PDB file of N, CA and C in Angstrom:
ATOM      1  N   UNK A   1      -6.117   3.895  20.402  1.00  0.00           N
ATOM      2  CA  UNK A   1      -6.971   3.050  19.598  1.00  0.00           C
ATOM      3  C   UNK A   1      -7.813   3.915  18.672  1.00  0.00           C
ATOM      4  N   UNK A   2      -8.070   3.438  17.463  1.00  0.00           N
ATOM      5  CA  UNK A   2      -8.880   4.223  16.533  1.00  0.00           C
ATOM      6  C   UNK A   2     -10.347   4.233  16.944  1.00  0.00           C
ATOM      7  N   UNK A   3     -10.975   5.355  16.693  1.00  0.00           N
ATOM      8  CA  UNK A   3     -12.392   5.511  17.006  1.00  0.00           C
ATOM      9  C   UNK A   3     -13.210   5.090  15.788  1.00  0.00           C
ATOM     10  N   UNK A   4     -14.150   4.202  15.974  1.00  0.00           N
ATOM     11  CA  UNK A   4     -14.979   3.701  14.883  1.00  0.00           C
ATOM     12  C   UNK A   4     -16.409   4.168  15.102  1.00  0.00           C
ATOM     13  N   UNK A   5     -16.961   4.819  14.087  1.00  0.00           N
ATOM     14  CA  UNK A   5     -18.354   5.247  14.126  1.00  0.00           C
ATOM     15  C   UNK A   5     -19.240   4.186  13.505  1.00  0.00           C
ATOM     16  N   UNK A   6     -20.503   4.181  13.861  1.00  0.00           N
ATOM     17  CA  UNK A   6     -21.446   3.226  13.272  1.00  0.00           C
ATOM     18  C   UNK A   6     -21.620   3.480  11.784  1.00  0.00           C
ATOM     19  N   UNK A   7     -21.469   4.732  11.358  1.00  0.00           N
ATOM     20  CA  UNK A   7     -21.640   5.046   9.940  1.00  0.00           C
ATOM     21  C   UNK A   7     -20.464   4.573   9.091  1.00  0.00           C
ATOM     22  N   UNK A   8     -19.340   4.216   9.709  1.00  0.00           N
ATOM     23  CA  UNK A   8     -18.205   3.723   8.936  1.00  0.00           C
ATOM     24  C   UNK A   8     -18.525   2.410   8.228  1.00  0.00           C
ATOM     25  N   UNK A   9     -19.436   1.635   8.781  1.00  0.00           N
ATOM     26  CA  UNK A   9     -19.772   0.341   8.204  1.00  0.00           C
ATOM     27  C   UNK A   9     -21.175   0.314   7.605  1.00  0.00           C
ATOM     28  N   UNK A  10     -21.765   1.471   7.421  1.00  0.00           N
ATOM     29  CA  UNK A  10     -23.098   1.540   6.823  1.00  0.00           C
ATOM     30  C   UNK A  10     -23.007   1.192   5.337  1.00  0.00           C
ATOM     31  N   UNK A  11     -23.951   0.441   4.807  1.00  0.00           N
ATOM     32  CA  UNK A  11     -23.886   0.095   3.378  1.00  0.00           C
ATOM     33  C   UNK A  11     -24.127   1.311   2.500  1.00  0.00           C
ATOM     34  N   UNK A  12     -23.256   1.494   1.524  1.00  0.00           N
ATOM     35  CA  UNK A  12     -23.369   2.616   0.597  1.00  0.00           C
ATOM     36  C   UNK A  12     -23.241   2.129  -0.838  1.00  0.00           C
ATOM     37  N   UNK A  13     -23.781   0.994  -1.141  1.00  0.00           N
ATOM     38  CA  UNK A  13     -23.556   0.392  -2.430  1.00  0.00           C
ATOM     39  C   UNK A  13     -24.384   1.021  -3.541  1.00  0.00           C
ATOM     40  N   UNK A  14     -25.345   1.849  -3.238  1.00  0.00           N
ATOM     41  CA  UNK A  14     -26.191   2.429  -4.276  1.00  0.00           C
ATOM     42  C   UNK A  14     -25.399   3.338  -5.206  1.00  0.00           C
ATOM     43  N   UNK A  15     -24.412   4.032  -4.701  1.00  0.00           N
ATOM     44  CA  UNK A  15     -23.640   4.966  -5.522  1.00  0.00           C
ATOM     45  C   UNK A  15     -22.280   4.419  -5.915  1.00  0.00           C
ATOM     46  N   UNK A  16     -21.901   3.282  -5.414  1.00  0.00           N
ATOM     47  CA  UNK A  16     -20.558   2.767  -5.622  1.00  0.00           C
ATOM     48  C   UNK A  16     -20.266   2.455  -7.091  1.00  0.00           C
ATOM     49  N   UNK A  17     -21.227   2.032  -7.869  1.00  0.00           N
ATOM     50  CA  UNK A  17     -20.994   1.619  -9.253  1.00  0.00           C
ATOM     51  C   UNK A  17     -20.514   2.774 -10.120  1.00  0.00           C
ATOM     52  N   UNK A  18     -20.840   4.009  -9.746  1.00  0.00           N
ATOM     53  CA  UNK A  18     -20.420   5.159 -10.551  1.00  0.00           C
ATOM     54  C   UNK A  18     -18.902   5.314 -10.579  1.00  0.00           C
ATOM     55  N   UNK A  19     -18.234   4.927  -9.510  1.00  0.00           N
ATOM     56  CA  UNK A  19     -16.785   5.108  -9.435  1.00  0.00           C
ATOM     57  C   UNK A  19     -16.031   4.186 -10.395  1.00  0.00           C
ATOM     58  N   UNK A  20     -16.617   3.073 -10.781  1.00  0.00           N
ATOM     59  CA  UNK A  20     -15.938   2.148 -11.682  1.00  0.00           C
ATOM     60  C   UNK A  20     -15.768   2.718 -13.078  1.00  0.00           C
ATOM     61  N   UNK A  21     -16.601   3.681 -13.448  1.00  0.00           N
ATOM     62  CA  UNK A  21     -16.571   4.221 -14.798  1.00  0.00           C
ATOM     63  C   UNK A  21     -15.870   5.572 -14.892  1.00  0.00           C
ATOM     64  N   UNK A  22     -15.269   6.025 -13.806  1.00  0.00           N
ATOM     65  CA  UNK A  22     -14.576   7.308 -13.825  1.00  0.00           C
ATOM     66  C   UNK A  22     -13.084   7.107 -14.075  1.00  0.00           C
ATOM     67  N   UNK A  23     -12.482   8.063 -14.771  1.00  0.00           N
ATOM     68  CA  UNK A  23     -11.045   8.026 -15.006  1.00  0.00           C
ATOM     69  C   UNK A  23     -10.304   8.446 -13.740  1.00  0.00           C
ATOM     70  N   UNK A  24      -9.013   8.167 -13.716  1.00  0.00           N
ATOM     71  CA  UNK A  24      -8.207   8.486 -12.534  1.00  0.00           C
ATOM     72  C   UNK A  24      -8.239   9.982 -12.232  1.00  0.00           C
ATOM     73  N   UNK A  25      -8.181  10.814 -13.246  1.00  0.00           N
ATOM     74  CA  UNK A  25      -8.202  12.262 -13.025  1.00  0.00           C
ATOM     75  C   UNK A  25      -9.528  12.714 -12.428  1.00  0.00           C
ATOM     76  N   UNK A  26     -10.616  12.086 -12.829  1.00  0.00           N
ATOM     77  CA  UNK A  26     -11.922  12.438 -12.262  1.00  0.00           C
ATOM     78  C   UNK A  26     -12.011  11.999 -10.804  1.00  0.00           C
ATOM     79  N   UNK A  27     -11.435  10.838 -10.480  1.00  0.00           N
ATOM     80  CA  UNK A  27     -11.483  10.360  -9.103  1.00  0.00           C
ATOM     81  C   UNK A  27     -10.670  11.251  -8.170  1.00  0.00           C
ATOM     82  N   UNK A  28      -9.529  11.757  -8.660  1.00  0.00           N
ATOM     83  CA  UNK A  28      -8.684  12.588  -7.811  1.00  0.00           C
ATOM     84  C   UNK A  28      -9.292  13.961  -7.555  1.00  0.00           C
ATOM     85  N   UNK A  29     -10.240  14.381  -8.368  1.00  0.00           N
ATOM     86  CA  UNK A  29     -10.930  15.655  -8.145  1.00  0.00           C
ATOM     87  C   UNK A  29     -12.143  15.498  -7.243  1.00  0.00           C
ATOM     88  N   UNK A  30     -12.574  14.260  -7.014  1.00  0.00           N
ATOM     89  CA  UNK A  30     -13.726  13.982  -6.163  1.00  0.00           C
ATOM     90  C   UNK A  30     -13.260  13.931  -4.710  1.00  0.00           C
ATOM     91  N   UNK A  31     -13.664  14.919  -3.903  1.00  0.00           N
ATOM     92  CA  UNK A  31     -13.178  15.003  -2.523  1.00  0.00           C
ATOM     93  C   UNK A  31     -13.651  13.833  -1.667  1.00  0.00           C
ATOM     94  N   UNK A  32     -14.828  13.311  -1.939  1.00  0.00           N
ATOM     95  CA  UNK A  32     -15.315  12.167  -1.164  1.00  0.00           C
ATOM     96  C   UNK A  32     -14.480  10.930  -1.446  1.00  0.00           C
ATOM     97  N   UNK A  33     -14.105  10.726  -2.706  1.00  0.00           N
ATOM     98  CA  UNK A  33     -13.295   9.563  -3.054  1.00  0.00           C
ATOM     99  C   UNK A  33     -11.893   9.681  -2.477  1.00  0.00           C
ATOM    100  N   UNK A  34     -11.294  10.865  -2.585  1.00  0.00           N
ATOM    101  CA  UNK A  34      -9.948  11.057  -2.032  1.00  0.00           C
ATOM    102  C   UNK A  34      -9.984  10.931  -0.515  1.00  0.00           C
ATOM    103  N   UNK A  35     -11.042  11.402   0.117  1.00  0.00           N
ATOM    104  CA  UNK A  35     -11.177  11.233   1.564  1.00  0.00           C
ATOM    105  C   UNK A  35     -11.255   9.771   1.958  1.00  0.00           C
ATOM    106  N   UNK A  36     -11.990   8.971   1.186  1.00  0.00           N
ATOM    107  CA  UNK A  36     -12.048   7.540   1.494  1.00  0.00           C
ATOM    108  C   UNK A  36     -10.720   6.868   1.184  1.00  0.00           C
ATOM    109  N   UNK A  37      -9.993   7.359   0.182  1.00  0.00           N
ATOM    110  CA  UNK A  37      -8.648   6.865  -0.104  1.00  0.00           C
ATOM    111  C   UNK A  37      -7.717   7.158   1.060  1.00  0.00           C
ATOM    112  N   UNK A  38      -7.776   8.378   1.584  1.00  0.00           N
ATOM    113  CA  UNK A  38      -6.949   8.743   2.733  1.00  0.00           C
ATOM    114  C   UNK A  38      -7.304   7.901   3.953  1.00  0.00           C
ATOM    115  N   UNK A  39      -8.584   7.637   4.154  1.00  0.00           N
ATOM    116  CA  UNK A  39      -9.009   6.816   5.286  1.00  0.00           C
ATOM    117  C   UNK A  39      -8.495   5.390   5.137  1.00  0.00           C
ATOM    118  N   UNK A  40      -8.575   4.830   3.931  1.00  0.00           N
ATOM    119  CA  UNK A  40      -8.094   3.469   3.703  1.00  0.00           C
ATOM    120  C   UNK A  40      -6.587   3.382   3.909  1.00  0.00           C
ATOM    121  N   UNK A  41      -5.846   4.388   3.424  1.00  0.00           N
ATOM    122  CA  UNK A  41      -4.394   4.395   3.628  1.00  0.00           C
ATOM    123  C   UNK A  41      -4.049   4.579   5.099  1.00  0.00           C
ATOM    124  N   UNK A  42      -4.810   5.394   5.801  1.00  0.00           N
ATOM    125  CA  UNK A  42      -4.586   5.602   7.237  1.00  0.00           C
ATOM    126  C   UNK A  42      -4.867   4.330   8.032  1.00  0.00           C
ATOM    127  N   UNK A  43      -5.923   3.627   7.643  1.00  0.00           N
ATOM    128  CA  UNK A  43      -6.288   2.393   8.334  1.00  0.00           C
ATOM    129  C   UNK A  43      -5.177   1.351   8.228  1.00  0.00           C
ATOM    130  N   UNK A  44      -4.471   1.317   7.098  1.00  0.00           N
ATOM    131  CA  UNK A  44      -3.384   0.362   6.913  1.00  0.00           C
ATOM    132  C   UNK A  44      -2.046   0.891   7.421  1.00  0.00           C
ATOM    133  N   UNK A  45      -2.004   2.145   7.868  1.00  0.00           N
ATOM    134  CA  UNK A  45      -0.793   2.694   8.452  1.00  0.00           C
ATOM    135  C   UNK A  45       0.146   3.378   7.478  1.00  0.00           C
ATOM    136  N   UNK A  46      -0.305   3.672   6.265  1.00  0.00           N
ATOM    137  CA  UNK A  46       0.552   4.310   5.270  1.00  0.00           C
ATOM    138  C   UNK A  46       0.437   5.832   5.272  1.00  0.00           C
ATOM    139  N   UNK A  47      -0.650   6.353   5.771  1.00  0.00           N
ATOM    140  CA  UNK A  47      -0.909   7.800   5.705  1.00  0.00           C
ATOM    141  C   UNK A  47      -1.223   8.307   7.100  1.00  0.00           C
ATOM    142  N   UNK A  48      -0.569   9.415   7.480  1.00  0.00           N
ATOM    143  CA  UNK A  48      -0.770   9.970   8.825  1.00  0.00           C
ATOM    144  C   UNK A  48      -1.281  11.403   8.789  1.00  0.00           C
ATOM    145  N   UNK A  49      -1.590  11.927   7.624  1.00  0.00           N
ATOM    146  CA  UNK A  49      -2.031  13.308   7.514  1.00  0.00           C
ATOM    147  C   UNK A  49      -3.518  13.457   7.765  1.00  0.00           C
ATOM    148  N   UNK A  50      -4.032  14.658   7.540  1.00  0.00           N
ATOM    149  CA  UNK A  50      -5.465  14.899   7.746  1.00  0.00           C
ATOM    150  C   UNK A  50      -6.296  14.268   6.637  1.00  0.00           C
ATOM    151  N   UNK A  51      -7.490  13.850   6.992  1.00  0.00           N
ATOM    152  CA  UNK A  51      -8.434  13.315   6.008  1.00  0.00           C
ATOM    153  C   UNK A  51      -9.304  14.487   5.574  1.00  0.00           C
ATOM    154  N   UNK A  52      -8.848  15.172   4.526  1.00  0.00           N
ATOM    155  CA  UNK A  52      -9.526  16.384   4.069  1.00  0.00           C
ATOM    156  C   UNK A  52     -10.012  16.305   2.629  1.00  0.00           C
ATOM    157  N   UNK A  53      -9.758  15.192   1.941  1.00  0.00           N
ATOM    158  CA  UNK A  53     -10.231  15.037   0.576  1.00  0.00           C
ATOM    159  C   UNK A  53      -9.380  15.701  -0.467  1.00  0.00           C
ATOM    160  N   UNK A  54      -8.149  16.081  -0.128  1.00  0.00           N
ATOM    161  CA  UNK A  54      -7.249  16.743  -1.065  1.00  0.00           C
ATOM    162  C   UNK A  54      -6.089  15.796  -1.374  1.00  0.00           C
ATOM    163  N   UNK A  55      -5.844  15.545  -2.661  1.00  0.00           N
ATOM    164  CA  UNK A  55      -4.756  14.661  -3.058  1.00  0.00           C
ATOM    165  C   UNK A  55      -3.450  15.446  -2.997  1.00  0.00           C
ATOM    166  N   UNK A  56      -2.697  15.256  -1.932  1.00  0.00           N
ATOM    167  CA  UNK A  56      -1.445  15.964  -1.692  1.00  0.00           C
ATOM    168  C   UNK A  56      -0.266  15.056  -1.983  1.00  0.00           C
ATOM    169  N   UNK A  57       0.953  15.594  -1.996  1.00  0.00           N
ATOM    170  CA  UNK A  57       2.130  14.724  -2.165  1.00  0.00           C
ATOM    171  C   UNK A  57       2.256  13.668  -1.065  1.00  0.00           C
ATOM    172  N   UNK A  58       1.756  13.951   0.133  1.00  0.00           N
ATOM    173  CA  UNK A  58       1.802  12.950   1.200  1.00  0.00           C
ATOM    174  C   UNK A  58       0.949  11.735   0.851  1.00  0.00           C
ATOM    175  N   UNK A  59      -0.178  11.960   0.202  1.00  0.00           N
ATOM    176  CA  UNK A  59      -1.029  10.844  -0.232  1.00  0.00           C
ATOM    177  C   UNK A  59      -0.304  10.049  -1.314  1.00  0.00           C
ATOM    178  N   UNK A  60       0.371  10.744  -2.209  1.00  0.00           N
ATOM    179  CA  UNK A  60       1.133  10.068  -3.252  1.00  0.00           C
ATOM    180  C   UNK A  60       2.269   9.237  -2.647  1.00  0.00           C
ATOM    181  N   UNK A  61       2.954   9.761  -1.634  1.00  0.00           N
ATOM    182  CA  UNK A  61       4.015   9.002  -0.959  1.00  0.00           C
ATOM    183  C   UNK A  61       3.439   7.779  -0.252  1.00  0.00           C
ATOM    184  N   UNK A  62       2.260   7.922   0.336  1.00  0.00           N
ATOM    185  CA  UNK A  62       1.613   6.786   0.997  1.00  0.00           C
ATOM    186  C   UNK A  62       1.268   5.702  -0.025  1.00  0.00           C
ATOM    187  N   UNK A  63       0.788   6.113  -1.192  1.00  0.00           N
ATOM    188  CA  UNK A  63       0.489   5.147  -2.245  1.00  0.00           C
ATOM    189  C   UNK A  63       1.770   4.461  -2.707  1.00  0.00           C
ATOM    190  N   UNK A  64       2.864   5.224  -2.819  1.00  0.00           N
ATOM    191  CA  UNK A  64       4.140   4.635  -3.226  1.00  0.00           C
ATOM    192  C   UNK A  64       4.621   3.604  -2.208  1.00  0.00           C
ATOM    193  N   UNK A  65       4.460   3.880  -0.922  1.00  0.00           N
ATOM    194  CA  UNK A  65       4.855   2.900   0.099  1.00  0.00           C
ATOM    195  C   UNK A  65       3.992   1.651   0.023  1.00  0.00           C
ATOM    196  N   UNK A  66       2.700   1.832  -0.217  1.00  0.00           N
ATOM    197  CA  UNK A  66       1.814   0.684  -0.380  1.00  0.00           C
ATOM    198  C   UNK A  66       2.226  -0.132  -1.599  1.00  0.00           C
ATOM    199  N   UNK A  67       2.542   0.544  -2.699  1.00  0.00           N
ATOM    200  CA  UNK A  67       2.963  -0.162  -3.905  1.00  0.00           C
ATOM    201  C   UNK A  67       4.248  -0.946  -3.664  1.00  0.00           C
ATOM    202  N   UNK A  68       5.165  -0.367  -2.921  1.00  0.00           N
ATOM    203  CA  UNK A  68       6.424  -1.061  -2.628  1.00  0.00           C
ATOM    204  C   UNK A  68       6.170  -2.299  -1.774  1.00  0.00           C
ATOM    205  N   UNK A  69       5.335  -2.188  -0.756  1.00  0.00           N
ATOM    206  CA  UNK A  69       5.066  -3.318   0.124  1.00  0.00           C
ATOM    207  C   UNK A  69       4.253  -4.415  -0.547  1.00  0.00           C
ATOM    208  N   UNK A  70       3.446  -4.055  -1.534  1.00  0.00           N
ATOM    209  CA  UNK A  70       2.644  -5.045  -2.250  1.00  0.00           C
ATOM    210  C   UNK A  70       3.339  -5.526  -3.532  1.00  0.00           C
ATOM    211  N   UNK A  71       4.607  -5.195  -3.701  1.00  0.00           N
ATOM    212  CA  UNK A  71       5.424  -5.610  -4.863  1.00  0.00           C
ATOM    213  C   UNK A  71       4.805  -5.161  -6.178  1.00  0.00           C
ATOM    214  N   UNK A  72       4.321  -3.922  -6.191  1.00  0.00           N
ATOM    215  CA  UNK A  72       3.783  -3.333  -7.418  1.00  0.00           C
ATOM    216  C   UNK A  72       4.835  -2.403  -8.009  1.00  0.00           C
ATOM    217  N   UNK A  73       4.579  -1.948  -9.193  1.00  0.00           N
ATOM    218  CA  UNK A  73       5.430  -0.930  -9.801  1.00  0.00           C
ATOM    219  C   UNK A  73       5.207   0.374  -9.057  1.00  0.00           C
ATOM    220  N   UNK A  74       6.260   0.958  -8.503  1.00  0.00           N
ATOM    221  CA  UNK A  74       6.138   2.139  -7.643  1.00  0.00           C
ATOM    222  C   UNK A  74       6.068   3.394  -8.505  1.00  0.00           C
ATOM    223  N   UNK A  75       4.885   4.005  -8.531  1.00  0.00           N
ATOM    224  CA  UNK A  75       4.676   5.242  -9.274  1.00  0.00           C
ATOM    225  C   UNK A  75       4.101   6.342  -8.393  1.00  0.00           C
ATOM    226  N   UNK A  76       3.417   5.982  -7.323  1.00  0.00           N
ATOM    227  CA  UNK A  76       2.754   6.972  -6.484  1.00  0.00           C
ATOM    228  C   UNK A  76       1.437   7.439  -7.044  1.00  0.00           C
ATOM    229  N   UNK A  77       0.992   6.824  -8.134  1.00  0.00           N
ATOM    230  CA  UNK A  77      -0.271   7.189  -8.767  1.00  0.00           C
ATOM    231  C   UNK A  77      -1.372   6.227  -8.357  1.00  0.00           C
ATOM    232  N   UNK A  78      -2.581   6.725  -8.357  1.00  0.00           N
ATOM    233  CA  UNK A  78      -3.742   5.892  -8.075  1.00  0.00           C
ATOM    234  C   UNK A  78      -4.086   5.121  -9.340  1.00  0.00           C
ATOM    235  N   UNK A  79      -3.854   3.816  -9.328  1.00  0.00           N
ATOM    236  CA  UNK A  79      -4.176   2.991 -10.471  1.00  0.00           C
ATOM    237  C   UNK A  79      -5.011   1.794 -10.021  1.00  0.00           C
ATOM    238  N   UNK A  80      -5.361   0.951 -10.965  1.00  0.00           N
ATOM    239  CA  UNK A  80      -6.260  -0.168 -10.683  1.00  0.00           C
ATOM    240  C   UNK A  80      -5.698  -1.114  -9.611  1.00  0.00           C
ATOM    241  N   UNK A  81      -4.422  -1.534  -9.664  1.00  0.00           N
ATOM    242  CA  UNK A  81      -3.926  -2.427  -8.602  1.00  0.00           C
ATOM    243  C   UNK A  81      -3.970  -1.798  -7.204  1.00  0.00           C
ATOM    244  N   UNK A  82      -3.737  -0.498  -7.104  1.00  0.00           N
ATOM    245  CA  UNK A  82      -3.818   0.180  -5.799  1.00  0.00           C
ATOM    246  C   UNK A  82      -5.264   0.185  -5.314  1.00  0.00           C
ATOM    247  N   UNK A  83      -6.189   0.463  -6.218  1.00  0.00           N
ATOM    248  CA  UNK A  83      -7.602   0.465  -5.842  1.00  0.00           C
ATOM    249  C   UNK A  83      -8.048  -0.920  -5.393  1.00  0.00           C
ATOM    250  N   UNK A  84      -7.543  -1.966  -6.044  1.00  0.00           N
ATOM    251  CA  UNK A  84      -7.872  -3.331  -5.633  1.00  0.00           C
ATOM    252  C   UNK A  84      -7.257  -3.673  -4.282  1.00  0.00           C
ATOM    253  N   UNK A  85      -6.018  -3.238  -4.052  1.00  0.00           N
ATOM    254  CA  UNK A  85      -5.362  -3.522  -2.774  1.00  0.00           C
ATOM    255  C   UNK A  85      -6.078  -2.839  -1.618  1.00  0.00           C
ATOM    256  N   UNK A  86      -6.676  -1.676  -1.874  1.00  0.00           N
ATOM    257  CA  UNK A  86      -7.401  -0.947  -0.837  1.00  0.00           C
ATOM    258  C   UNK A  86      -8.885  -1.304  -0.796  1.00  0.00           C
ATOM    259  N   UNK A  87      -9.313  -2.231  -1.657  1.00  0.00           N
ATOM    260  CA  UNK A  87     -10.721  -2.640  -1.755  1.00  0.00           C
ATOM    261  C   UNK A  87     -11.624  -1.443  -2.046  1.00  0.00           C
ATOM    262  N   UNK A  88     -11.185  -0.629  -3.000  1.00  0.00           N
ATOM    263  CA  UNK A  88     -11.956   0.546  -3.402  1.00  0.00           C
ATOM    264  C   UNK A  88     -12.403   0.381  -4.843  1.00  0.00           C
ATOM    265  N   UNK A  89     -13.551   0.963  -5.204  1.00  0.00           N
ATOM    266  CA  UNK A  89     -14.002   0.870  -6.601  1.00  0.00           C
ATOM    267  C   UNK A  89     -13.138   1.710  -7.522  1.00  0.00           C
TER     268      UNK A  89
END
């Protein structure tokens, strides 16, 4: 069973608005954002690697599997529909 910390559900909305105005390349360089992306993919069962904040080919493959299951265009890139499917800004 997955271990859930109390801080996983702590409200962090004060800084969330900044992510809406960043380009995809800026988001992929942000280790905190990529770490939350890896956590979201892991929670849904698409990613099994370490949550280290590094955008690796395994993360891209996980995004491609998510895109295939959600009937999106399969590119393996972090785009707006993927961010919406993962409920990420």
